[in-house]
Amino acid sequence: MQKVVFSIFKVNYIKMIQKNTMGMVVGILLVVGGLNWASVGLLNLDVVATIFGGTAALGSKAVYILIGLAAIYKLAKMVGIMK
């Protein structure tokens, strides 16, 4: 009985950690994206493009895609599509 309860607790704990980690990553990406857009609007400076070598650089595109996916994930969570 103890082993079953521990196994259930362990599975729930792992799911909680994964959910919190995903939320943290999404939050960081959204903050990076928001700050980047603020710098574009206020200073005409794209920080992501500056760091990765231009807007067409693979690194910049990867960051832009990750930020977009984070926004889609957050939107899905907000409207209740994902739990």
N, C-alpha and C. Protein backbone atom coordinates (compact mmCIF):
# COMPACT_ATOMS: atom_id res chain seq x y z
N MET A 1 0.82 -1.19 0.00
CA MET A 1 0.00 0.00 0.00
C MET A 1 0.86 1.26 0.00
N GLN A 2 1.91 1.26 0.85
CA GLN A 2 2.79 2.42 0.89
C GLN A 2 3.49 2.65 -0.44
N LYS A 3 3.87 1.56 -1.09
CA LYS A 3 4.57 1.67 -2.36
C LYS A 3 3.67 2.30 -3.43
N VAL A 4 2.39 1.91 -3.44
CA VAL A 4 1.44 2.46 -4.41
C VAL A 4 1.24 3.95 -4.16
N VAL A 5 1.05 4.32 -2.90
CA VAL A 5 0.86 5.74 -2.56
C VAL A 5 2.09 6.54 -2.94
N PHE A 6 3.27 6.01 -2.64
CA PHE A 6 4.51 6.70 -3.00
C PHE A 6 4.63 6.84 -4.51
N SER A 7 4.28 5.80 -5.26
CA SER A 7 4.35 5.85 -6.73
C SER A 7 3.42 6.91 -7.28
N ILE A 8 2.20 6.98 -6.74
CA ILE A 8 1.25 8.00 -7.19
C ILE A 8 1.78 9.38 -6.86
N PHE A 9 2.30 9.55 -5.64
CA PHE A 9 2.87 10.83 -5.24
C PHE A 9 4.03 11.22 -6.15
N LYS A 10 4.88 10.24 -6.46
CA LYS A 10 6.05 10.50 -7.30
C LYS A 10 5.62 10.95 -8.70
N VAL A 11 4.63 10.29 -9.28
CA VAL A 11 4.14 10.66 -10.61
C VAL A 11 3.55 12.06 -10.58
N ASN A 12 2.74 12.36 -9.57
CA ASN A 12 2.15 13.70 -9.46
C ASN A 12 3.22 14.76 -9.25
N TYR A 13 4.23 14.45 -8.45
CA TYR A 13 5.31 15.38 -8.20
C TYR A 13 6.09 15.67 -9.47
N ILE A 14 6.37 14.64 -10.24
CA ILE A 14 7.09 14.82 -11.51
C ILE A 14 6.27 15.67 -12.48
N LYS A 15 4.97 15.41 -12.57
CA LYS A 15 4.11 16.21 -13.44
C LYS A 15 4.08 17.67 -12.99
N MET A 16 4.05 17.90 -11.67
CA MET A 16 4.05 19.25 -11.15
C MET A 16 5.34 19.97 -11.51
N ILE A 17 6.47 19.30 -11.37
CA ILE A 17 7.76 19.90 -11.71
C ILE A 17 7.82 20.22 -13.20
N GLN A 18 7.35 19.30 -14.04
CA GLN A 18 7.36 19.54 -15.48
C GLN A 18 6.47 20.72 -15.83
N LYS A 19 5.31 20.81 -15.19
CA LYS A 19 4.39 21.92 -15.46
C LYS A 19 5.00 23.23 -15.02
N ASN A 20 5.63 23.25 -13.83
CA ASN A 20 6.26 24.48 -13.35
C ASN A 20 7.44 24.88 -14.21
N THR A 21 8.21 23.90 -14.68
CA THR A 21 9.36 24.19 -15.55
C THR A 21 8.88 24.77 -16.87
N MET A 22 7.84 24.18 -17.43
CA MET A 22 7.30 24.69 -18.69
C MET A 22 6.77 26.11 -18.51
N GLY A 23 6.09 26.35 -17.41
CA GLY A 23 5.59 27.70 -17.13
C GLY A 23 6.71 28.71 -16.98
N MET A 24 7.79 28.29 -16.35
CA MET A 24 8.95 29.17 -16.17
C MET A 24 9.60 29.49 -17.51
N VAL A 25 9.78 28.49 -18.35
CA VAL A 25 10.39 28.70 -19.67
C VAL A 25 9.52 29.61 -20.51
N VAL A 26 8.20 29.35 -20.51
CA VAL A 26 7.28 30.19 -21.28
C VAL A 26 7.32 31.62 -20.76
N GLY A 27 7.32 31.79 -19.45
CA GLY A 27 7.38 33.14 -18.87
C GLY A 27 8.64 33.88 -19.27
N ILE A 28 9.77 33.20 -19.22
CA ILE A 28 11.04 33.83 -19.60
C ILE A 28 11.01 34.24 -21.08
N LEU A 29 10.52 33.34 -21.93
CA LEU A 29 10.46 33.66 -23.36
C LEU A 29 9.53 34.85 -23.63
N LEU A 30 8.41 34.91 -22.93
CA LEU A 30 7.49 36.04 -23.13
C LEU A 30 8.08 37.35 -22.64
N VAL A 31 8.83 37.30 -21.55
CA VAL A 31 9.50 38.51 -21.06
C VAL A 31 10.56 38.95 -22.06
N VAL A 32 11.35 38.02 -22.55
CA VAL A 32 12.38 38.35 -23.55
C VAL A 32 11.72 38.98 -24.78
N GLY A 33 10.64 38.36 -25.24
CA GLY A 33 9.94 38.90 -26.41
C GLY A 33 9.37 40.29 -26.16
N GLY A 34 8.77 40.47 -24.99
CA GLY A 34 8.19 41.77 -24.65
C GLY A 34 9.26 42.86 -24.54
N LEU A 35 10.35 42.53 -23.88
CA LEU A 35 11.43 43.51 -23.76
C LEU A 35 12.06 43.81 -25.12
N ASN A 36 12.18 42.80 -25.96
CA ASN A 36 12.73 43.03 -27.30
C ASN A 36 11.83 43.97 -28.10
N TRP A 37 10.51 43.73 -28.03
CA TRP A 37 9.59 44.62 -28.75
C TRP A 37 9.59 46.03 -28.17
N ALA A 38 9.75 46.14 -26.86
CA ALA A 38 9.85 47.47 -26.24
C ALA A 38 11.09 48.20 -26.75
N SER A 39 12.20 47.48 -26.86
CA SER A 39 13.42 48.12 -27.36
C SER A 39 13.30 48.48 -28.83
N VAL A 40 12.56 47.68 -29.59
CA VAL A 40 12.33 48.01 -31.00
C VAL A 40 11.48 49.27 -31.10
N GLY A 41 10.42 49.32 -30.31
CA GLY A 41 9.52 50.48 -30.37
C GLY A 41 10.13 51.75 -29.83
N LEU A 42 10.86 51.66 -28.74
CA LEU A 42 11.41 52.86 -28.10
C LEU A 42 12.75 53.30 -28.67
N LEU A 43 13.59 52.34 -29.00
CA LEU A 43 14.97 52.66 -29.37
C LEU A 43 15.33 52.26 -30.80
N ASN A 44 14.38 51.64 -31.50
CA ASN A 44 14.64 51.13 -32.84
C ASN A 44 15.82 50.15 -32.82
N LEU A 45 15.88 49.32 -31.77
CA LEU A 45 16.97 48.38 -31.59
C LEU A 45 16.40 46.99 -31.33
N ASP A 46 16.67 46.07 -32.23
CA ASP A 46 16.25 44.68 -32.06
C ASP A 46 17.39 43.94 -31.37
N VAL A 47 17.23 43.74 -30.06
CA VAL A 47 18.30 43.15 -29.25
C VAL A 47 18.58 41.72 -29.68
N VAL A 48 17.54 40.94 -29.97
CA VAL A 48 17.73 39.55 -30.39
C VAL A 48 18.55 39.50 -31.68
N ALA A 49 18.18 40.33 -32.64
CA ALA A 49 18.92 40.36 -33.91
C ALA A 49 20.35 40.83 -33.70
N THR A 50 20.54 41.77 -32.80
CA THR A 50 21.89 42.27 -32.52
C THR A 50 22.76 41.17 -31.92
N ILE A 51 22.19 40.40 -31.00
CA ILE A 51 22.96 39.33 -30.35
C ILE A 51 23.29 38.21 -31.33
N PHE A 52 22.32 37.84 -32.17
CA PHE A 52 22.50 36.67 -33.03
C PHE A 52 22.93 36.99 -34.45
N GLY A 53 23.19 38.24 -34.77
CA GLY A 53 23.76 38.57 -36.08
C GLY A 53 22.77 38.92 -37.16
N GLY A 54 21.67 39.53 -36.82
CA GLY A 54 20.69 39.97 -37.81
C GLY A 54 19.40 39.17 -37.73
N THR A 55 18.35 39.75 -38.33
CA THR A 55 17.04 39.10 -38.26
C THR A 55 16.96 37.83 -39.09
N ALA A 56 17.80 37.71 -40.09
CA ALA A 56 17.78 36.52 -40.95
C ALA A 56 18.66 35.39 -40.41
N ALA A 57 19.43 35.66 -39.36
CA ALA A 57 20.31 34.64 -38.80
C ALA A 57 19.50 33.51 -38.17
N LEU A 58 20.04 32.32 -38.23
CA LEU A 58 19.34 31.14 -37.71
C LEU A 58 19.03 31.28 -36.21
N GLY A 59 19.96 31.84 -35.45
CA GLY A 59 19.74 32.02 -34.01
C GLY A 59 18.57 32.95 -33.73
N SER A 60 18.51 34.06 -34.47
CA SER A 60 17.40 35.01 -34.30
C SER A 60 16.07 34.35 -34.65
N LYS A 61 16.05 33.65 -35.77
CA LYS A 61 14.81 32.99 -36.17
C LYS A 61 14.36 31.96 -35.14
N ALA A 62 15.32 31.22 -34.57
CA ALA A 62 14.98 30.22 -33.55
C ALA A 62 14.37 30.90 -32.32
N VAL A 63 14.96 32.01 -31.89
CA VAL A 63 14.43 32.72 -30.73
C VAL A 63 13.04 33.27 -31.04
N TYR A 64 12.85 33.86 -32.22
CA TYR A 64 11.54 34.40 -32.60
C TYR A 64 10.49 33.28 -32.63
N ILE A 65 10.85 32.13 -33.17
CA ILE A 65 9.92 31.00 -33.23
C ILE A 65 9.58 30.51 -31.83
N LEU A 66 10.57 30.40 -30.96
CA LEU A 66 10.32 29.95 -29.59
C LEU A 66 9.42 30.93 -28.85
N ILE A 67 9.63 32.23 -29.05
CA ILE A 67 8.78 33.23 -28.41
C ILE A 67 7.35 33.12 -28.94
N GLY A 68 7.21 32.91 -30.24
CA GLY A 68 5.87 32.74 -30.82
C GLY A 68 5.17 31.50 -30.28
N LEU A 69 5.90 30.40 -30.17
CA LEU A 69 5.32 29.17 -29.62
C LEU A 69 4.94 29.35 -28.15
N ALA A 70 5.76 30.10 -27.41
CA ALA A 70 5.44 30.38 -26.01
C ALA A 70 4.15 31.19 -25.91
N ALA A 71 3.98 32.14 -26.81
CA ALA A 71 2.75 32.95 -26.81
C ALA A 71 1.53 32.10 -27.14
N ILE A 72 1.67 31.20 -28.10
CA ILE A 72 0.56 30.31 -28.45
C ILE A 72 0.22 29.40 -27.29
N TYR A 73 1.24 28.86 -26.62
CA TYR A 73 1.03 28.01 -25.45
C TYR A 73 0.30 28.77 -24.36
N LYS A 74 0.75 29.99 -24.08
CA LYS A 74 0.13 30.80 -23.02
C LYS A 74 -1.31 31.15 -23.39
N LEU A 75 -1.55 31.48 -24.64
CA LEU A 75 -2.91 31.78 -25.09
C LEU A 75 -3.82 30.58 -24.93
N ALA A 76 -3.32 29.40 -25.29
CA ALA A 76 -4.11 28.18 -25.15
C ALA A 76 -4.42 27.92 -23.68
N LYS A 77 -3.47 28.19 -22.79
CA LYS A 77 -3.72 28.02 -21.36
C LYS A 77 -4.77 29.03 -20.87
N MET A 78 -4.70 30.24 -21.39
CA MET A 78 -5.62 31.28 -20.94
C MET A 78 -7.06 31.01 -21.35
N VAL A 79 -7.26 30.50 -22.55
CA VAL A 79 -8.63 30.24 -23.02
C VAL A 79 -9.14 28.88 -22.60
N GLY A 80 -8.27 28.09 -21.95
CA GLY A 80 -8.71 26.84 -21.40
C GLY A 80 -8.61 25.64 -22.31
N ILE A 81 -7.91 25.77 -23.43
CA ILE A 81 -7.73 24.64 -24.34
C ILE A 81 -6.82 23.59 -23.70
N MET A 82 -5.77 24.08 -23.01
CA MET A 82 -4.82 23.18 -22.35
C MET A 82 -4.96 23.31 -20.85
N LYS A 83 -4.66 22.22 -20.15
CA LYS A 83 -4.74 22.28 -18.69
C LYS A 83 -3.38 22.25 -18.08
